[in-house]
């Protein structure tokens, strides 16, 4: 239990240093990572209920991808990290770096 607490605290500190502008201060658990039989099920309703008013899971997800695009400008990295298509990754890179992609053909 103490090790888990320390790892979670370390991760939270790292996330804040790495993505200080992120609107998501929480450690989110997805349905993929919550398949252990001893843990309670994670649902969209449960996660949505924990969010501050005005924030959505979709909005946090988009914010996270955009933040990563601003940091790396690497569409392949976005595709690997988030499982998004090439076109979606390029849209995020273009939104994060309009000065770099304004002259690119579409």
PDB file of N, CA and C in Angstrom:
ATOM      1  N   UNK A   1       0.822  -1.191   0.000  1.00  0.00           N
ATOM      2  CA  UNK A   1       0.000   0.000   0.000  1.00  0.00           C
ATOM      3  C   UNK A   1       0.870   1.260   0.000  1.00  0.00           C
ATOM      4  N   UNK A   2       1.928   1.273   0.806  1.00  0.00           N
ATOM      5  CA  UNK A   2       2.815   2.433   0.860  1.00  0.00           C
ATOM      6  C   UNK A   2       3.527   2.647  -0.473  1.00  0.00           C
ATOM      7  N   UNK A   3       3.951   1.537  -1.109  1.00  0.00           N
ATOM      8  CA  UNK A   3       4.600   1.642  -2.412  1.00  0.00           C
ATOM      9  C   UNK A   3       3.642   2.226  -3.443  1.00  0.00           C
ATOM     10  N   UNK A   4       2.410   1.763  -3.446  1.00  0.00           N
ATOM     11  CA  UNK A   4       1.403   2.277  -4.376  1.00  0.00           C
ATOM     12  C   UNK A   4       1.189   3.772  -4.157  1.00  0.00           C
ATOM     13  N   UNK A   5       1.084   4.171  -2.913  1.00  0.00           N
ATOM     14  CA  UNK A   5       0.893   5.583  -2.594  1.00  0.00           C
ATOM     15  C   UNK A   5       2.073   6.405  -3.102  1.00  0.00           C
ATOM     16  N   UNK A   6       3.288   5.927  -2.878  1.00  0.00           N
ATOM     17  CA  UNK A   6       4.477   6.661  -3.321  1.00  0.00           C
ATOM     18  C   UNK A   6       4.530   6.753  -4.843  1.00  0.00           C
ATOM     19  N   UNK A   7       4.212   5.652  -5.536  1.00  0.00           N
ATOM     20  CA  UNK A   7       4.206   5.669  -7.003  1.00  0.00           C
ATOM     21  C   UNK A   7       3.162   6.642  -7.543  1.00  0.00           C
ATOM     22  N   UNK A   8       1.986   6.652  -6.929  1.00  0.00           N
ATOM     23  CA  UNK A   8       0.932   7.582  -7.361  1.00  0.00           C
ATOM     24  C   UNK A   8       1.354   9.028  -7.110  1.00  0.00           C
ATOM     25  N   UNK A   9       1.978   9.287  -5.969  1.00  0.00           N
ATOM     26  CA  UNK A   9       2.445  10.642  -5.667  1.00  0.00           C
ATOM     27  C   UNK A   9       3.538  11.067  -6.645  1.00  0.00           C
ATOM     28  N   UNK A  10       4.454  10.158  -6.939  1.00  0.00           N
ATOM     29  CA  UNK A  10       5.518  10.463  -7.904  1.00  0.00           C
ATOM     30  C   UNK A  10       4.943  10.749  -9.285  1.00  0.00           C
ATOM     31  N   UNK A  11       3.965   9.938  -9.688  1.00  0.00           N
ATOM     32  CA  UNK A  11       3.347  10.127 -11.005  1.00  0.00           C
ATOM     33  C   UNK A  11       2.621  11.471 -11.073  1.00  0.00           C
ATOM     34  N   UNK A  12       1.909  11.817 -10.017  1.00  0.00           N
ATOM     35  CA  UNK A  12       1.191  13.089  -9.996  1.00  0.00           C
ATOM     36  C   UNK A  12       2.167  14.263 -10.088  1.00  0.00           C
ATOM     37  N   UNK A  13       3.274  14.178  -9.377  1.00  0.00           N
ATOM     38  CA  UNK A  13       4.296  15.225  -9.441  1.00  0.00           C
ATOM     39  C   UNK A  13       4.877  15.322 -10.853  1.00  0.00           C
ATOM     40  N   UNK A  14       5.198  14.171 -11.441  1.00  0.00           N
ATOM     41  CA  UNK A  14       5.741  14.149 -12.804  1.00  0.00           C
ATOM     42  C   UNK A  14       4.741  14.751 -13.798  1.00  0.00           C
ATOM     43  N   UNK A  15       3.474  14.341 -13.687  1.00  0.00           N
ATOM     44  CA  UNK A  15       2.452  14.860 -14.610  1.00  0.00           C
ATOM     45  C   UNK A  15       2.355  16.374 -14.500  1.00  0.00           C
ATOM     46  N   UNK A  16       2.391  16.901 -13.274  1.00  0.00           N
ATOM     47  CA  UNK A  16       2.282  18.345 -13.095  1.00  0.00           C
ATOM     48  C   UNK A  16       3.496  19.065 -13.690  1.00  0.00           C
ATOM     49  N   UNK A  17       4.679  18.478 -13.551  1.00  0.00           N
ATOM     50  CA  UNK A  17       5.874  19.084 -14.138  1.00  0.00           C
ATOM     51  C   UNK A  17       5.860  18.976 -15.657  1.00  0.00           C
ATOM     52  N   UNK A  18       5.423  17.836 -16.178  1.00  0.00           N
ATOM     53  CA  UNK A  18       5.449  17.580 -17.620  1.00  0.00           C
ATOM     54  C   UNK A  18       4.346  18.324 -18.353  1.00  0.00           C
ATOM     55  N   UNK A  19       3.159  18.401 -17.734  1.00  0.00           N
ATOM     56  CA  UNK A  19       2.004  19.035 -18.366  1.00  0.00           C
ATOM     57  C   UNK A  19       1.351  20.018 -17.383  1.00  0.00           C
ATOM     58  N   UNK A  20       2.019  21.118 -17.084  1.00  0.00           N
ATOM     59  CA  UNK A  20       1.496  22.034 -16.066  1.00  0.00           C
ATOM     60  C   UNK A  20       0.186  22.716 -16.452  1.00  0.00           C
ATOM     61  N   UNK A  21      -0.114  22.803 -17.732  1.00  0.00           N
ATOM     62  CA  UNK A  21      -1.342  23.487 -18.155  1.00  0.00           C
ATOM     63  C   UNK A  21      -2.522  22.542 -18.308  1.00  0.00           C
ATOM     64  N   UNK A  22      -2.331  21.270 -18.007  1.00  0.00           N
ATOM     65  CA  UNK A  22      -3.414  20.301 -18.173  1.00  0.00           C
ATOM     66  C   UNK A  22      -4.567  20.617 -17.224  1.00  0.00           C
ATOM     67  N   UNK A  23      -5.775  20.484 -17.735  1.00  0.00           N
ATOM     68  CA  UNK A  23      -6.966  20.720 -16.917  1.00  0.00           C
ATOM     69  C   UNK A  23      -7.318  19.499 -16.076  1.00  0.00           C
ATOM     70  N   UNK A  24      -6.597  18.407 -16.242  1.00  0.00           N
ATOM     71  CA  UNK A  24      -6.909  17.159 -15.558  1.00  0.00           C
ATOM     72  C   UNK A  24      -5.907  16.889 -14.437  1.00  0.00           C
ATOM     73  N   UNK A  25      -6.276  17.156 -13.185  1.00  0.00           N
ATOM     74  CA  UNK A  25      -5.350  16.929 -12.082  1.00  0.00           C
ATOM     75  C   UNK A  25      -5.386  15.507 -11.527  1.00  0.00           C
ATOM     76  N   UNK A  26      -6.225  14.643 -12.095  1.00  0.00           N
ATOM     77  CA  UNK A  26      -6.448  13.322 -11.526  1.00  0.00           C
ATOM     78  C   UNK A  26      -5.671  12.224 -12.241  1.00  0.00           C
ATOM     79  N   UNK A  27      -5.507  11.109 -11.547  1.00  0.00           N
ATOM     80  CA  UNK A  27      -5.036   9.875 -12.175  1.00  0.00           C
ATOM     81  C   UNK A  27      -6.279   9.158 -12.661  1.00  0.00           C
ATOM     82  N   UNK A  28      -6.484   9.090 -13.966  1.00  0.00           N
ATOM     83  CA  UNK A  28      -7.671   8.434 -14.506  1.00  0.00           C
ATOM     84  C   UNK A  28      -7.374   6.978 -14.807  1.00  0.00           C
ATOM     85  N   UNK A  29      -8.342   6.146 -14.552  1.00  0.00           N
ATOM     86  CA  UNK A  29      -8.238   4.723 -14.831  1.00  0.00           C
ATOM     87  C   UNK A  29      -9.189   4.415 -15.974  1.00  0.00           C
ATOM     88  N   UNK A  30      -8.695   3.739 -16.988  1.00  0.00           N
ATOM     89  CA  UNK A  30      -9.555   3.405 -18.123  1.00  0.00           C
ATOM     90  C   UNK A  30     -10.141   2.012 -17.927  1.00  0.00           C
ATOM     91  N   UNK A  31     -11.084   1.653 -18.777  1.00  0.00           N
ATOM     92  CA  UNK A  31     -11.663   0.315 -18.711  1.00  0.00           C
ATOM     93  C   UNK A  31     -10.617  -0.737 -19.040  1.00  0.00           C
ATOM     94  N   UNK A  32      -9.622  -0.384 -19.846  1.00  0.00           N
ATOM     95  CA  UNK A  32      -8.563  -1.326 -20.186  1.00  0.00           C
ATOM     96  C   UNK A  32      -7.652  -1.601 -19.004  1.00  0.00           C
ATOM     97  N   UNK A  33      -7.381  -0.588 -18.181  1.00  0.00           N
ATOM     98  CA  UNK A  33      -6.461  -0.766 -17.064  1.00  0.00           C
ATOM     99  C   UNK A  33      -7.161  -1.202 -15.788  1.00  0.00           C
ATOM    100  N   UNK A  34      -8.459  -1.304 -15.820  1.00  0.00           N
ATOM    101  CA  UNK A  34      -9.205  -1.665 -14.614  1.00  0.00           C
ATOM    102  C   UNK A  34      -9.849  -3.041 -14.730  1.00  0.00           C
ATOM    103  N   UNK A  35      -9.146  -3.982 -15.324  1.00  0.00           N
ATOM    104  CA  UNK A  35      -9.733  -5.305 -15.543  1.00  0.00           C
ATOM    105  C   UNK A  35      -9.453  -6.298 -14.407  1.00  0.00           C
ATOM    106  N   UNK A  36      -8.777  -5.839 -13.367  1.00  0.00           N
ATOM    107  CA  UNK A  36      -8.503  -6.723 -12.239  1.00  0.00           C
ATOM    108  C   UNK A  36      -9.813  -7.068 -11.533  1.00  0.00           C
ATOM    109  N   UNK A  37     -10.046  -8.323 -11.218  1.00  0.00           N
ATOM    110  CA  UNK A  37     -11.314  -8.721 -10.602  1.00  0.00           C
ATOM    111  C   UNK A  37     -11.521  -8.137  -9.201  1.00  0.00           C
ATOM    112  N   UNK A  38     -10.460  -7.736  -8.527  1.00  0.00           N
ATOM    113  CA  UNK A  38     -10.596  -7.203  -7.166  1.00  0.00           C
ATOM    114  C   UNK A  38     -10.924  -5.716  -7.121  1.00  0.00           C
ATOM    115  N   UNK A  39     -10.932  -5.058  -8.266  1.00  0.00           N
ATOM    116  CA  UNK A  39     -11.207  -3.630  -8.296  1.00  0.00           C
ATOM    117  C   UNK A  39     -12.640  -3.369  -8.754  1.00  0.00           C
ATOM    118  N   UNK A  40     -13.231  -2.285  -8.288  1.00  0.00           N
ATOM    119  CA  UNK A  40     -14.586  -1.960  -8.750  1.00  0.00           C
ATOM    120  C   UNK A  40     -14.572  -1.556 -10.218  1.00  0.00           C
ATOM    121  N   UNK A  41     -15.679  -1.764 -10.925  1.00  0.00           N
ATOM    122  CA  UNK A  41     -15.725  -1.388 -12.336  1.00  0.00           C
ATOM    123  C   UNK A  41     -15.628   0.128 -12.494  1.00  0.00           C
ATOM    124  N   UNK A  42     -15.031   0.521 -13.588  1.00  0.00           N
ATOM    125  CA  UNK A  42     -14.922   1.942 -13.914  1.00  0.00           C
ATOM    126  C   UNK A  42     -15.880   2.211 -15.058  1.00  0.00           C
ATOM    127  N   UNK A  43     -16.719   3.209 -14.886  1.00  0.00           N
ATOM    128  CA  UNK A  43     -17.686   3.538 -15.929  1.00  0.00           C
ATOM    129  C   UNK A  43     -17.551   5.004 -16.305  1.00  0.00           C
ATOM    130  N   UNK A  44     -18.084   5.335 -17.456  1.00  0.00           N
ATOM    131  CA  UNK A  44     -18.069   6.724 -17.896  1.00  0.00           C
ATOM    132  C   UNK A  44     -18.826   7.603 -16.892  1.00  0.00           C
ATOM    133  N   UNK A  45     -19.916   7.093 -16.353  1.00  0.00           N
ATOM    134  CA  UNK A  45     -20.692   7.856 -15.374  1.00  0.00           C
ATOM    135  C   UNK A  45     -19.901   8.141 -14.112  1.00  0.00           C
ATOM    136  N   UNK A  46     -19.161   7.145 -13.643  1.00  0.00           N
ATOM    137  CA  UNK A  46     -18.344   7.320 -12.451  1.00  0.00           C
ATOM    138  C   UNK A  46     -17.255   8.364 -12.689  1.00  0.00           C
ATOM    139  N   UNK A  47     -16.570   8.251 -13.819  1.00  0.00           N
ATOM    140  CA  UNK A  47     -15.516   9.218 -14.132  1.00  0.00           C
ATOM    141  C   UNK A  47     -16.085  10.609 -14.356  1.00  0.00           C
ATOM    142  N   UNK A  48     -17.176  10.694 -15.084  1.00  0.00           N
ATOM    143  CA  UNK A  48     -17.784  11.999 -15.363  1.00  0.00           C
ATOM    144  C   UNK A  48     -18.234  12.686 -14.084  1.00  0.00           C
ATOM    145  N   UNK A  49     -18.740  11.897 -13.142  1.00  0.00           N
ATOM    146  CA  UNK A  49     -19.206  12.459 -11.881  1.00  0.00           C
ATOM    147  C   UNK A  49     -18.091  13.050 -11.038  1.00  0.00           C
ATOM    148  N   UNK A  50     -16.861  12.631 -11.276  1.00  0.00           N
ATOM    149  CA  UNK A  50     -15.717  13.127 -10.500  1.00  0.00           C
ATOM    150  C   UNK A  50     -15.125  14.403 -11.076  1.00  0.00           C
ATOM    151  N   UNK A  51     -15.594  14.810 -12.239  1.00  0.00           N
ATOM    152  CA  UNK A  51     -15.024  15.995 -12.898  1.00  0.00           C
ATOM    153  C   UNK A  51     -15.640  17.280 -12.366  1.00  0.00           C
ATOM    154  N   UNK A  52     -14.846  18.335 -12.318  1.00  0.00           N
ATOM    155  CA  UNK A  52     -15.413  19.646 -11.971  1.00  0.00           C
ATOM    156  C   UNK A  52     -16.456  20.066 -13.011  1.00  0.00           C
ATOM    157  N   UNK A  53     -17.361  20.902 -12.608  1.00  0.00           N
ATOM    158  CA  UNK A  53     -18.430  21.363 -13.489  1.00  0.00           C
ATOM    159  C   UNK A  53     -17.848  22.016 -14.738  1.00  0.00           C
ATOM    160  N   UNK A  54     -18.398  21.674 -15.887  1.00  0.00           N
ATOM    161  CA  UNK A  54     -17.975  22.254 -17.151  1.00  0.00           C
ATOM    162  C   UNK A  54     -16.929  21.442 -17.893  1.00  0.00           C
ATOM    163  N   UNK A  55     -16.309  20.452 -17.243  1.00  0.00           N
ATOM    164  CA  UNK A  55     -15.323  19.607 -17.911  1.00  0.00           C
ATOM    165  C   UNK A  55     -15.970  18.292 -18.328  1.00  0.00           C
ATOM    166  N   UNK A  56     -15.505  17.771 -19.453  1.00  0.00           N
ATOM    167  CA  UNK A  56     -15.990  16.477 -19.923  1.00  0.00           C
ATOM    168  C   UNK A  56     -14.791  15.553 -20.144  1.00  0.00           C
ATOM    169  N   UNK A  57     -15.054  14.254 -20.133  1.00  0.00           N
ATOM    170  CA  UNK A  57     -13.989  13.297 -20.412  1.00  0.00           C
ATOM    171  C   UNK A  57     -13.448  13.494 -21.820  1.00  0.00           C
ATOM    172  N   UNK A  58     -14.331  13.731 -22.755  1.00  0.00           N
ATOM    173  CA  UNK A  58     -13.912  13.965 -24.135  1.00  0.00           C
ATOM    174  C   UNK A  58     -13.043  15.217 -24.230  1.00  0.00           C
ATOM    175  N   UNK A  59     -13.449  16.259 -23.547  1.00  0.00           N
ATOM    176  CA  UNK A  59     -12.677  17.490 -23.551  1.00  0.00           C
ATOM    177  C   UNK A  59     -11.299  17.310 -22.926  1.00  0.00           C
ATOM    178  N   UNK A  60     -11.225  16.547 -21.835  1.00  0.00           N
ATOM    179  CA  UNK A  60      -9.936  16.271 -21.204  1.00  0.00           C
ATOM    180  C   UNK A  60      -9.041  15.444 -22.124  1.00  0.00           C
ATOM    181  N   UNK A  61      -9.648  14.487 -22.817  1.00  0.00           N
ATOM    182  CA  UNK A  61      -8.895  13.648 -23.753  1.00  0.00           C
ATOM    183  C   UNK A  61      -8.331  14.508 -24.883  1.00  0.00           C
ATOM    184  N   UNK A  62      -9.155  15.366 -25.442  1.00  0.00           N
ATOM    185  CA  UNK A  62      -8.705  16.245 -26.517  1.00  0.00           C
ATOM    186  C   UNK A  62      -7.611  17.195 -26.024  1.00  0.00           C
ATOM    187  N   UNK A  63      -7.786  17.721 -24.808  1.00  0.00           N
ATOM    188  CA  UNK A  63      -6.791  18.612 -24.221  1.00  0.00           C
ATOM    189  C   UNK A  63      -5.460  17.894 -24.038  1.00  0.00           C
ATOM    190  N   UNK A  64      -5.519  16.651 -23.627  1.00  0.00           N
ATOM    191  CA  UNK A  64      -4.299  15.869 -23.410  1.00  0.00           C
ATOM    192  C   UNK A  64      -3.564  15.627 -24.726  1.00  0.00           C
ATOM    193  N   UNK A  65      -4.306  15.290 -25.786  1.00  0.00           N
ATOM    194  CA  UNK A  65      -3.686  15.066 -27.099  1.00  0.00           C
ATOM    195  C   UNK A  65      -3.091  16.371 -27.620  1.00  0.00           C
ATOM    196  N   UNK A  66      -3.831  17.461 -27.496  1.00  0.00           N
ATOM    197  CA  UNK A  66      -3.341  18.754 -27.967  1.00  0.00           C
ATOM    198  C   UNK A  66      -2.088  19.175 -27.207  1.00  0.00           C
ATOM    199  N   UNK A  67      -2.061  18.921 -25.905  1.00  0.00           N
ATOM    200  CA  UNK A  67      -0.884  19.252 -25.107  1.00  0.00           C
ATOM    201  C   UNK A  67       0.332  18.455 -25.571  1.00  0.00           C
ATOM    202  N   UNK A  68       0.133  17.180 -25.852  1.00  0.00           N
ATOM    203  CA  UNK A  68       1.234  16.348 -26.336  1.00  0.00           C
ATOM    204  C   UNK A  68       1.682  16.809 -27.719  1.00  0.00           C
ATOM    205  N   UNK A  69       0.739  17.201 -28.570  1.00  0.00           N
ATOM    206  CA  UNK A  69       1.087  17.716 -29.900  1.00  0.00           C
ATOM    207  C   UNK A  69       1.903  19.003 -29.787  1.00  0.00           C
ATOM    208  N   UNK A  70       1.568  19.837 -28.819  1.00  0.00           N
ATOM    209  CA  UNK A  70       2.321  21.076 -28.621  1.00  0.00           C
ATOM    210  C   UNK A  70       3.740  20.788 -28.151  1.00  0.00           C
ATOM    211  N   UNK A  71       3.908  19.738 -27.359  1.00  0.00           N
ATOM    212  CA  UNK A  71       5.229  19.380 -26.842  1.00  0.00           C
ATOM    213  C   UNK A  71       6.108  18.720 -27.894  1.00  0.00           C
ATOM    214  N   UNK A  72       5.541  17.797 -28.656  1.00  0.00           N
ATOM    215  CA  UNK A  72       6.385  16.981 -29.538  1.00  0.00           C
ATOM    216  C   UNK A  72       6.251  17.309 -31.025  1.00  0.00           C
ATOM    217  N   UNK A  73       5.086  17.754 -31.466  1.00  0.00           N
ATOM    218  CA  UNK A  73       4.808  18.010 -32.886  1.00  0.00           C
ATOM    219  C   UNK A  73       5.090  16.778 -33.740  1.00  0.00           C
ATOM    220  N   UNK A  74       4.966  15.610 -33.166  1.00  0.00           N
ATOM    221  CA  UNK A  74       5.262  14.356 -33.852  1.00  0.00           C
ATOM    222  C   UNK A  74       3.980  13.547 -34.031  1.00  0.00           C
ATOM    223  N   UNK A  75       3.413  13.523 -35.246  1.00  0.00           N
ATOM    224  CA  UNK A  75       2.157  12.799 -35.449  1.00  0.00           C
ATOM    225  C   UNK A  75       2.282  11.301 -35.166  1.00  0.00           C
ATOM    226  N   UNK A  76       3.436  10.707 -35.442  1.00  0.00           N
ATOM    227  CA  UNK A  76       3.593   9.274 -35.148  1.00  0.00           C
ATOM    228  C   UNK A  76       3.518   9.012 -33.653  1.00  0.00           C
ATOM    229  N   UNK A  77       4.101   9.898 -32.869  1.00  0.00           N
ATOM    230  CA  UNK A  77       4.025   9.751 -31.416  1.00  0.00           C
ATOM    231  C   UNK A  77       2.566   9.826 -30.954  1.00  0.00           C
ATOM    232  N   UNK A  78       1.827  10.766 -31.496  1.00  0.00           N
ATOM    233  CA  UNK A  78       0.408  10.891 -31.126  1.00  0.00           C
ATOM    234  C   UNK A  78      -0.368   9.638 -31.507  1.00  0.00           C
ATOM    235  N   UNK A  79      -0.076   9.106 -32.683  1.00  0.00           N
ATOM    236  CA  UNK A  79      -0.770   7.907 -33.141  1.00  0.00           C
ATOM    237  C   UNK A  79      -0.491   6.736 -32.196  1.00  0.00           C
ATOM    238  N   UNK A  80       0.767   6.590 -31.785  1.00  0.00           N
ATOM    239  CA  UNK A  80       1.131   5.491 -30.885  1.00  0.00           C
ATOM    240  C   UNK A  80       0.554   5.684 -29.482  1.00  0.00           C
ATOM    241  N   UNK A  81       0.649   6.897 -28.960  1.00  0.00           N
ATOM    242  CA  UNK A  81       0.183   7.156 -27.596  1.00  0.00           C
ATOM    243  C   UNK A  81      -1.332   7.051 -27.446  1.00  0.00           C
ATOM    244  N   UNK A  82      -2.054   7.566 -28.442  1.00  0.00           N
ATOM    245  CA  UNK A  82      -3.500   7.698 -28.292  1.00  0.00           C
ATOM    246  C   UNK A  82      -4.322   6.806 -29.211  1.00  0.00           C
ATOM    247  N   UNK A  83      -3.653   6.069 -30.095  1.00  0.00           N
ATOM    248  CA  UNK A  83      -4.387   5.181 -30.996  1.00  0.00           C
ATOM    249  C   UNK A  83      -5.270   5.936 -31.974  1.00  0.00           C
ATOM    250  N   UNK A  84      -4.801   7.088 -32.433  1.00  0.00           N
ATOM    251  CA  UNK A  84      -5.590   7.896 -33.364  1.00  0.00           C
ATOM    252  C   UNK A  84      -5.060   7.707 -34.783  1.00  0.00           C
ATOM    253  N   UNK A  85      -5.848   8.105 -35.744  1.00  0.00           N
ATOM    254  CA  UNK A  85      -5.455   7.954 -37.148  1.00  0.00           C
ATOM    255  C   UNK A  85      -4.441   9.023 -37.541  1.00  0.00           C
ATOM    256  N   UNK A  86      -3.829   8.809 -38.690  1.00  0.00           N
ATOM    257  CA  UNK A  86      -2.860   9.774 -39.223  1.00  0.00           C
ATOM    258  C   UNK A  86      -3.507  11.138 -39.430  1.00  0.00           C
ATOM    259  N   UNK A  87      -4.704  11.149 -39.988  1.00  0.00           N
ATOM    260  CA  UNK A  87      -5.393  12.409 -40.256  1.00  0.00           C
ATOM    261  C   UNK A  87      -5.693  13.161 -38.951  1.00  0.00           C
ATOM    262  N   UNK A  88      -6.146  12.431 -37.947  1.00  0.00           N
ATOM    263  CA  UNK A  88      -6.443  13.062 -36.658  1.00  0.00           C
ATOM    264  C   UNK A  88      -5.169  13.602 -36.022  1.00  0.00           C
ATOM    265  N   UNK A  89      -4.096  12.818 -36.073  1.00  0.00           N
ATOM    266  CA  UNK A  89      -2.817  13.268 -35.515  1.00  0.00           C
ATOM    267  C   UNK A  89      -2.342  14.536 -36.206  1.00  0.00           C
ATOM    268  N   UNK A  90      -2.467  14.587 -37.515  1.00  0.00           N
ATOM    269  CA  UNK A  90      -2.035  15.774 -38.255  1.00  0.00           C
ATOM    270  C   UNK A  90      -2.892  16.988 -37.911  1.00  0.00           C
ATOM    271  N   UNK A  91      -4.177  16.776 -37.676  1.00  0.00           N
ATOM    272  CA  UNK A  91      -5.036  17.902 -37.282  1.00  0.00           C
ATOM    273  C   UNK A  91      -4.589  18.469 -35.933  1.00  0.00           C
ATOM    274  N   UNK A  92      -4.230  17.589 -34.999  1.00  0.00           N
ATOM    275  CA  UNK A  92      -3.752  18.065 -33.697  1.00  0.00           C
ATOM    276  C   UNK A  92      -2.413  18.799 -33.834  1.00  0.00           C
ATOM    277  N   UNK A  93      -1.506  18.270 -34.634  1.00  0.00           N
ATOM    278  CA  UNK A  93      -0.219  18.935 -34.845  1.00  0.00           C
ATOM    279  C   UNK A  93      -0.441  20.296 -35.508  1.00  0.00           C
ATOM    280  N   UNK A  94      -1.335  20.344 -36.488  1.00  0.00           N
ATOM    281  CA  UNK A  94      -1.640  21.613 -37.167  1.00  0.00           C
ATOM    282  C   UNK A  94      -2.247  22.624 -36.196  1.00  0.00           C
ATOM    283  N   UNK A  95      -3.117  22.157 -35.316  1.00  0.00           N
ATOM    284  CA  UNK A  95      -3.730  23.063 -34.342  1.00  0.00           C
ATOM    285  C   UNK A  95      -2.706  23.563 -33.330  1.00  0.00           C
ATOM    286  N   UNK A  96      -1.780  22.696 -32.944  1.00  0.00           N
ATOM    287  CA  UNK A  96      -0.775  23.070 -31.947  1.00  0.00           C
ATOM    288  C   UNK A  96       0.347  23.921 -32.538  1.00  0.00           C
ATOM    289  N   UNK A  97       0.606  23.744 -33.828  1.00  0.00           N
ATOM    290  CA  UNK A  97       1.717  24.442 -34.483  1.00  0.00           C
ATOM    291  C   UNK A  97       1.270  24.999 -35.843  1.00  0.00           C
ATOM    292  N   UNK A  98       0.360  25.954 -35.858  1.00  0.00           N
ATOM    293  CA  UNK A  98      -0.124  26.466 -37.145  1.00  0.00           C
ATOM    294  C   UNK A  98       0.983  27.103 -37.984  1.00  0.00           C
ATOM    295  N   UNK A  99       1.987  27.646 -37.330  1.00  0.00           N
ATOM    296  CA  UNK A  99       3.083  28.288 -38.071  1.00  0.00           C
ATOM    297  C   UNK A  99       3.905  27.270 -38.859  1.00  0.00           C
ATOM    298  N   UNK A 100       3.945  26.031 -38.404  1.00  0.00           N
ATOM    299  CA  UNK A 100       4.727  24.990 -39.077  1.00  0.00           C
ATOM    300  C   UNK A 100       3.950  24.310 -40.202  1.00  0.00           C
ATOM    301  N   UNK A 101       2.642  24.303 -40.079  1.00  0.00           N
ATOM    302  CA  UNK A 101       1.840  23.505 -41.012  1.00  0.00           C
ATOM    303  C   UNK A 101       0.993  24.340 -41.955  1.00  0.00           C
ATOM    304  N   UNK A 102       1.077  25.662 -41.888  1.00  0.00           N
ATOM    305  CA  UNK A 102       0.230  26.522 -42.722  1.00  0.00           C
ATOM    306  C   UNK A 102       0.468  26.319 -44.203  1.00  0.00           C
ATOM    307  N   UNK A 103       1.696  26.009 -44.605  1.00  0.00           N
ATOM    308  CA  UNK A 103       2.021  25.878 -46.025  1.00  0.00           C
ATOM    309  C   UNK A 103       1.961  24.448 -46.518  1.00  0.00           C
ATOM    310  N   UNK A 104       1.618  23.510 -45.653  1.00  0.00           N
ATOM    311  CA  UNK A 104       1.548  22.109 -46.074  1.00  0.00           C
ATOM    312  C   UNK A 104       0.291  21.875 -46.905  1.00  0.00           C
ATOM    313  N   UNK A 105       0.421  21.067 -47.940  1.00  0.00           N
ATOM    314  CA  UNK A 105      -0.753  20.717 -48.733  1.00  0.00           C
ATOM    315  C   UNK A 105      -1.583  19.710 -47.970  1.00  0.00           C
ATOM    316  N   UNK A 106      -2.862  19.735 -48.206  1.00  0.00           N
ATOM    317  CA  UNK A 106      -3.775  18.834 -47.475  1.00  0.00           C
ATOM    318  C   UNK A 106      -4.277  17.754 -48.380  1.00  0.00           C
TER     319      UNK A 106
END
